Amino acid sequence: MNPVEQRRRTTGVLAAAAAYLSWGIFPLYFKALREVPPPEVLAHRIVWSVLFMTVLITVLRRWGDVARQLGVPGTLPTLAASAVLISTNWLVYIWAVGSGRVLEASLGYFVNPLVSVLLGVFFLREPLSGPQKVAIGLAMAGVVALMVHVGRPPWVALTLASTFGLYGLLRKRAQVDSTTGLLAEVVLLLPLAAAWLGWQAWRGTLHFGVEAGTTALLSASGVVTAVPLILFAIGVRRLRLSTIGLLQYLNPTMQFAIAVFLFAEPFTRWHAVAFGCIWASLVVYTVDALSRSRDDGRARGAVPPPPAIPPAPAQGGRPPR
């Protein structure tokens, strides 16, 4: 690997790791806002994200690029649907942290890669390999074990995994970069967020401006939302997907540790069974993904290089198409 490629890879690893570590400490941030109702936290997250992204894109002088991407037919309706999914994901997560259910939330993000595999099967007609079938079966066993213990489906985990999985599917189809996509989503959500905050202010129940610490945390929600996504985009552009796939487990692992060791959420033997099944499924899934990545790399290496001399121009002086 040449020095330029090595620097590019190192930058990608640092950026992606920083993104996942940032998401991993989200429970600490939202726990500090537990006295604020989740809909108000969500509304502030949307409003401040719009302001932050507007300033960022202006500084980067990218409005022309944003207009070009959003002008592609079908892009805005797709982003409207993804906005509904990501706002639902954010709201459920904020509620889960404030309600002492970070452990279940971490379960959702552990399960998310397998949900993405299933969505690929149903919507993209992607075939399931044998190891992937085993991984999904183990994950389902873990969810069933937890459901037996609590007497109900772990709806927080399932909602977070399904909404984020569907969100990723839609964003893949939208063909926009993370900055443009996030800006469009929060702008589409802005009228509802502003209306909610206005109604709360009229009722006199708005928490913003009442206490300095809470106001500062709410004001920072735009940066907290956007910066990890920007770092993630930098990492994705510089790394193989197999590397991203391994780094993504930093997020739920940190949330799991925070839930058990800092927030002292109960971790019973049923939780051990459920998480054990899911961790085993992720080992199977990751080994299979790494094997596929190596096979793809060898296959690409076996392709003969293009000819050094370009073909002669066709009649009339134009190169053949």
Protein backbone atom coordinates (compact mmCIF):
# COMPACT_ATOMS: atom_id res chain seq x y z
CA MET A 1 0.00 0.00 0.00
CA ASN A 2 1.50 3.35 -1.06
CA PRO A 3 1.79 6.24 1.46
CA VAL A 4 -1.11 8.19 -0.09
CA GLU A 5 -3.45 5.20 0.12
CA GLN A 6 -2.24 4.49 3.67
CA ARG A 7 -3.04 8.06 4.76
CA ARG A 8 -6.43 7.84 3.06
CA ARG A 9 -7.22 4.60 4.87
CA THR A 10 -6.01 5.93 8.23
CA THR A 11 -8.16 9.04 7.82
CA GLY A 12 -11.15 6.86 6.94
CA VAL A 13 -10.70 4.63 9.98
CA LEU A 14 -10.33 7.61 12.33
CA ALA A 15 -13.37 9.38 10.85
CA ALA A 16 -15.63 6.31 10.90
CA ALA A 17 -14.50 5.33 14.40
CA ALA A 18 -15.16 8.88 15.63
CA ALA A 19 -18.65 8.74 14.13
CA TYR A 20 -19.51 5.43 15.80
CA LEU A 21 -17.97 6.51 19.11
CA SER A 22 -20.04 9.71 18.97
CA TRP A 23 -23.21 7.70 18.42
CA GLY A 24 -22.09 5.35 21.20
CA ILE A 25 -22.13 8.11 23.82
CA PHE A 26 -25.53 9.43 22.72
CA PRO A 27 -27.15 7.89 25.84
CA LEU A 28 -25.15 10.29 28.02
CA TYR A 29 -26.33 13.28 25.99
CA PHE A 30 -30.00 12.35 25.88
CA LYS A 31 -30.01 11.19 29.51
CA ALA A 32 -29.02 14.72 30.46
CA LEU A 33 -32.21 15.88 28.67
CA ARG A 34 -34.52 13.33 30.34
CA GLU A 35 -36.58 16.10 31.97
CA VAL A 36 -37.49 17.47 28.53
CA PRO A 37 -40.35 15.63 26.76
CA PRO A 38 -39.04 13.57 23.79
CA PRO A 39 -41.16 15.44 21.19
CA GLU A 40 -39.58 18.73 22.26
CA VAL A 41 -36.07 17.25 22.11
CA LEU A 42 -36.83 15.93 18.63
CA ALA A 43 -38.22 19.28 17.49
CA HIS A 44 -35.10 21.09 18.70
CA ARG A 45 -32.92 18.49 17.02
CA ILE A 46 -34.64 19.23 13.71
CA VAL A 47 -34.60 23.04 14.02
CA TRP A 48 -30.96 23.30 15.10
CA SER A 49 -29.91 20.77 12.45
CA VAL A 50 -31.47 22.99 9.78
CA LEU A 51 -29.54 26.00 11.07
CA PHE A 52 -26.25 24.11 11.35
CA MET A 53 -26.54 22.47 7.93
CA THR A 54 -27.49 25.78 6.29
CA VAL A 55 -24.38 27.46 7.69
CA LEU A 56 -22.18 24.49 6.81
CA ILE A 57 -23.33 24.28 3.18
CA THR A 58 -23.00 28.06 2.80
CA VAL A 59 -19.43 27.98 4.11
CA LEU A 60 -18.58 25.06 1.82
CA ARG A 61 -20.32 26.80 -1.12
CA ARG A 62 -22.22 23.66 -2.01
CA TRP A 63 -25.69 25.05 -2.74
CA GLY A 64 -25.31 24.36 -6.46
CA ASP A 65 -24.43 20.73 -5.77
CA VAL A 66 -27.38 20.44 -3.36
CA ALA A 67 -29.78 21.85 -5.96
CA ARG A 68 -28.44 19.48 -8.61
CA GLN A 69 -28.89 16.39 -6.41
CA LEU A 70 -32.36 17.35 -5.20
CA GLY A 71 -33.45 18.16 -8.76
CA VAL A 72 -33.26 14.51 -9.82
CA PRO A 73 -36.85 13.27 -10.35
CA GLY A 74 -38.16 11.17 -7.47
CA THR A 75 -35.48 12.27 -5.01
CA LEU A 76 -37.60 14.56 -2.83
CA PRO A 77 -40.48 12.05 -2.36
CA THR A 78 -37.92 9.42 -1.37
CA LEU A 79 -36.30 11.80 1.11
CA ALA A 80 -39.72 12.72 2.52
CA ALA A 81 -40.28 9.03 3.30
CA SER A 82 -36.78 8.69 4.78
CA ALA A 83 -37.43 11.80 6.90
CA VAL A 84 -40.47 10.10 8.45
CA LEU A 85 -38.41 6.99 9.21
CA ILE A 86 -35.41 8.78 10.72
CA SER A 87 -37.57 11.09 12.83
CA THR A 88 -39.46 8.06 14.16
CA ASN A 89 -36.12 6.41 14.93
CA TRP A 90 -34.88 9.52 16.73
CA LEU A 91 -38.08 9.91 18.76
CA VAL A 92 -38.16 6.28 19.92
CA TYR A 93 -34.48 6.40 20.82
CA ILE A 94 -34.84 9.64 22.81
CA TRP A 95 -37.80 8.13 24.67
CA ALA A 96 -35.91 4.87 25.32
CA VAL A 97 -32.93 6.66 26.87
CA GLY A 98 -35.13 8.81 29.10
CA SER A 99 -37.15 5.77 30.14
CA GLY A 100 -34.16 3.67 31.17
CA ARG A 101 -34.24 1.32 28.20
CA VAL A 102 -30.80 1.91 26.72
CA LEU A 103 -30.05 -1.81 26.91
CA GLU A 104 -32.99 -2.59 24.63
CA ALA A 105 -31.97 0.25 22.33
CA SER A 106 -28.47 -1.22 22.01
CA LEU A 107 -30.07 -4.54 21.10
CA GLY A 108 -31.80 -2.82 18.19
CA TYR A 109 -28.53 -1.53 16.77
CA PHE A 110 -26.87 -4.92 17.22
CA VAL A 111 -29.73 -6.48 15.21
CA ASN A 112 -29.75 -3.74 12.56
CA PRO A 113 -27.15 -5.32 10.18
CA LEU A 114 -29.24 -8.49 10.01
CA VAL A 115 -32.40 -6.46 9.37
CA SER A 116 -30.57 -4.83 6.46
CA VAL A 117 -29.80 -8.32 5.08
CA LEU A 118 -33.50 -9.26 5.26
CA LEU A 119 -34.52 -6.01 3.56
CA GLY A 120 -32.05 -6.80 0.80
CA VAL A 121 -33.72 -10.20 0.35
CA PHE A 122 -37.27 -8.82 0.21
CA PHE A 123 -36.76 -5.57 -1.69
CA LEU A 124 -33.59 -6.10 -3.74
CA ARG A 125 -33.97 -9.86 -4.35
CA GLU A 126 -30.52 -10.50 -2.90
CA PRO A 127 -29.93 -14.22 -2.16
CA LEU A 128 -29.19 -15.42 1.38
CA SER A 129 -26.02 -17.40 1.92
CA GLY A 130 -25.97 -20.35 4.32
CA PRO A 131 -24.11 -18.44 7.06
CA GLN A 132 -26.53 -15.52 6.71
CA LYS A 133 -29.46 -17.88 7.28
CA VAL A 134 -27.75 -19.22 10.41
CA ALA A 135 -27.07 -15.66 11.63
CA ILE A 136 -30.67 -14.57 11.16
CA GLY A 137 -31.93 -17.73 12.89
CA LEU A 138 -29.69 -17.07 15.90
CA ALA A 139 -30.83 -13.46 16.10
CA MET A 140 -34.49 -14.50 15.97
CA ALA A 141 -33.82 -16.98 18.80
CA GLY A 142 -32.36 -14.16 20.87
CA VAL A 143 -35.37 -11.92 20.28
CA VAL A 144 -37.76 -14.76 21.17
CA ALA A 145 -35.81 -15.46 24.38
CA LEU A 146 -36.13 -11.83 25.45
CA MET A 147 -39.81 -11.80 24.50
CA VAL A 148 -40.44 -14.85 26.70
CA HIS A 149 -38.68 -13.12 29.60
CA VAL A 150 -40.52 -9.78 29.45
CA GLY A 151 -43.82 -11.16 28.15
CA ARG A 152 -43.91 -8.90 25.09
CA PRO A 153 -41.86 -8.23 21.97
CA PRO A 154 -38.86 -5.92 22.52
CA TRP A 155 -40.61 -3.24 20.51
CA VAL A 156 -37.99 -0.55 21.16
CA ALA A 157 -35.24 -2.72 19.66
CA LEU A 158 -37.41 -3.89 16.77
CA THR A 159 -38.60 -0.35 15.97
CA LEU A 160 -35.08 1.08 16.01
CA ALA A 161 -33.70 -1.74 13.86
CA SER A 162 -36.55 -1.70 11.33
CA THR A 163 -36.80 2.09 10.93
CA PHE A 164 -33.04 2.49 10.55
CA GLY A 165 -32.85 -0.45 8.16
CA LEU A 166 -35.63 0.94 5.97
CA TYR A 167 -34.05 4.38 6.20
CA GLY A 168 -30.78 3.00 4.86
CA LEU A 169 -32.63 1.28 2.02
CA LEU A 170 -34.36 4.50 0.96
CA ARG A 171 -31.20 6.59 1.25
CA LYS A 172 -29.40 4.07 -0.95
CA ARG A 173 -32.06 4.60 -3.61
CA ALA A 174 -32.07 8.40 -3.28
CA GLN A 175 -28.49 8.71 -4.59
CA VAL A 176 -27.65 11.83 -2.58
CA ASP A 177 -24.70 12.41 -0.28
CA SER A 178 -25.17 12.47 3.49
CA THR A 179 -24.99 16.28 3.75
CA THR A 180 -27.61 16.93 1.08
CA GLY A 181 -29.84 14.13 2.34
CA LEU A 182 -29.79 15.29 5.95
CA LEU A 183 -30.46 18.90 4.96
CA ALA A 184 -33.46 17.91 2.84
CA GLU A 185 -34.87 15.65 5.56
CA VAL A 186 -34.69 18.20 8.36
CA VAL A 187 -36.04 20.98 6.11
CA LEU A 188 -39.02 18.76 5.22
CA LEU A 189 -39.59 18.13 8.95
CA LEU A 190 -39.07 21.78 9.93
CA PRO A 191 -42.71 22.98 9.66
CA LEU A 192 -43.94 20.29 12.07
CA ALA A 193 -41.05 20.90 14.47
CA ALA A 194 -41.55 24.67 14.45
CA ALA A 195 -45.31 24.27 14.94
CA TRP A 196 -44.76 21.96 17.92
CA LEU A 197 -42.30 24.35 19.57
CA GLY A 198 -44.62 27.29 18.91
CA TRP A 199 -47.53 25.44 20.50
CA GLN A 200 -45.42 24.53 23.54
CA ALA A 201 -44.30 28.16 23.88
CA TRP A 202 -47.94 29.34 23.69
CA ARG A 203 -48.87 26.87 26.44
CA GLY A 204 -45.92 27.98 28.56
CA THR A 205 -44.45 24.47 28.76
CA LEU A 206 -41.35 25.03 26.61
CA HIS A 207 -38.14 23.99 28.39
CA PHE A 208 -35.84 26.01 26.13
CA GLY A 209 -34.64 29.20 27.84
CA VAL A 210 -35.72 28.11 31.32
CA GLU A 211 -32.46 26.58 32.55
CA ALA A 212 -29.02 27.39 31.11
CA GLY A 213 -27.68 23.81 30.98
CA THR A 214 -30.77 22.42 29.26
CA THR A 215 -30.87 25.32 26.80
CA ALA A 216 -27.21 24.76 25.89
CA LEU A 217 -27.74 21.03 25.34
CA LEU A 218 -30.78 21.65 23.15
CA SER A 219 -28.91 24.29 21.15
CA ALA A 220 -26.09 21.81 20.54
CA SER A 221 -28.45 19.20 19.08
CA GLY A 222 -27.79 20.31 15.50
CA VAL A 223 -24.04 19.79 15.85
CA VAL A 224 -24.61 16.52 17.74
CA THR A 225 -26.79 15.27 14.89
CA ALA A 226 -24.79 16.42 11.88
CA VAL A 227 -21.12 16.00 12.81
CA PRO A 228 -21.19 12.18 13.25
CA LEU A 229 -22.96 11.84 9.89
CA ILE A 230 -20.30 13.96 8.18
CA LEU A 231 -17.51 11.90 9.79
CA PHE A 232 -19.31 8.72 8.74
CA ALA A 233 -19.51 9.95 5.14
CA ILE A 234 -15.74 10.64 5.15
CA GLY A 235 -15.08 7.14 6.45
CA VAL A 236 -17.36 5.43 3.94
CA ARG A 237 -15.64 7.12 1.01
CA ARG A 238 -12.21 5.91 2.16
CA LEU A 239 -12.85 2.40 3.50
CA ARG A 240 -14.14 -0.92 2.27
CA LEU A 241 -17.62 -1.85 3.43
CA SER A 242 -16.22 -4.83 5.35
CA THR A 243 -14.17 -2.43 7.49
CA ILE A 244 -17.20 -0.21 8.05
CA GLY A 245 -19.15 -3.34 8.98
CA LEU A 246 -16.69 -4.14 11.75
CA LEU A 247 -16.50 -0.58 13.07
CA GLN A 248 -20.29 -0.27 13.28
CA TYR A 249 -20.37 -2.53 16.36
CA LEU A 250 -18.59 0.19 18.37
CA ASN A 251 -21.90 2.05 18.69
CA PRO A 252 -24.14 -0.64 20.24
CA THR A 253 -21.24 -2.03 22.29
CA MET A 254 -20.71 1.34 23.95
CA GLN A 255 -24.44 1.77 24.50
CA PHE A 256 -24.60 -1.70 26.05
CA ALA A 257 -21.71 -0.87 28.41
CA ILE A 258 -23.24 2.48 29.38
CA ALA A 259 -26.63 0.86 30.08
CA VAL A 260 -25.22 -1.90 32.29
CA PHE A 261 -22.26 -0.23 34.01
CA LEU A 262 -23.25 3.45 34.23
CA PHE A 263 -27.05 3.43 34.24
CA ALA A 264 -27.27 0.10 36.15
CA GLU A 265 -30.09 -1.23 33.99
CA PRO A 266 -30.98 -4.83 34.95
CA PHE A 267 -29.12 -7.52 33.01
CA THR A 268 -30.72 -10.89 33.79
CA ARG A 269 -29.79 -14.37 32.60
CA TRP A 270 -32.50 -14.00 29.94
CA HIS A 271 -30.72 -10.90 28.69
CA ALA A 272 -27.51 -12.95 28.66
CA VAL A 273 -29.21 -15.63 26.56
CA ALA A 274 -30.70 -13.08 24.15
CA PHE A 275 -27.51 -11.05 23.70
CA GLY A 276 -25.46 -14.26 23.52
CA CYS A 277 -27.56 -15.47 20.60
CA ILE A 278 -27.31 -12.12 18.85
CA TRP A 279 -23.57 -11.77 19.40
CA ALA A 280 -23.09 -15.30 18.04
CA SER A 281 -25.19 -14.37 15.01
CA LEU A 282 -23.04 -11.29 14.44
CA VAL A 283 -19.86 -13.39 14.58
CA VAL A 284 -21.28 -15.69 11.89
CA TYR A 285 -22.46 -12.73 9.82
CA THR A 286 -19.14 -10.86 10.11
CA VAL A 287 -16.99 -13.87 9.24
CA ASP A 288 -19.19 -14.49 6.18
CA ALA A 289 -18.99 -10.81 5.16
CA LEU A 290 -15.19 -10.77 5.50
CA SER A 291 -14.91 -13.98 3.49
CA ARG A 292 -17.07 -12.51 0.73
CA SER A 293 -15.00 -9.33 0.73
CA ARG A 294 -11.76 -11.29 0.31
CA ASP A 295 -13.29 -13.36 -2.49
CA ASP A 296 -14.45 -10.19 -4.26
CA GLY A 297 -10.98 -8.70 -3.88
CA ARG A 298 -9.35 -11.78 -5.41
CA ALA A 299 -11.90 -11.78 -8.24
CA ARG A 300 -11.15 -8.13 -9.02
CA GLY A 301 -7.45 -8.87 -8.93
CA ALA A 302 -7.92 -11.65 -11.47
CA VAL A 303 -9.47 -9.30 -14.05
CA PRO A 304 -6.89 -8.43 -16.71
CA PRO A 305 -5.93 -4.74 -16.85
CA PRO A 306 -7.21 -2.60 -19.72
CA PRO A 307 -4.94 -2.15 -22.73
CA ALA A 308 -2.30 0.53 -22.31
CA ILE A 309 -2.97 1.96 -25.78
CA PRO A 310 -6.53 3.23 -26.41
CA PRO A 311 -8.36 1.90 -29.45
CA ALA A 312 -8.08 3.90 -32.65
CA PRO A 313 -10.78 6.51 -33.29
CA ALA A 314 -13.74 5.45 -35.35
CA GLN A 315 -14.37 6.91 -38.76
CA GLY A 316 -14.99 10.64 -38.51
CA GLY A 317 -12.45 11.18 -35.73
CA ARG A 318 -14.68 10.28 -32.75
CA PRO A 319 -13.76 7.50 -30.33
CA PRO A 320 -16.09 4.47 -30.36
CA ARG A 321 -18.82 4.37 -27.73
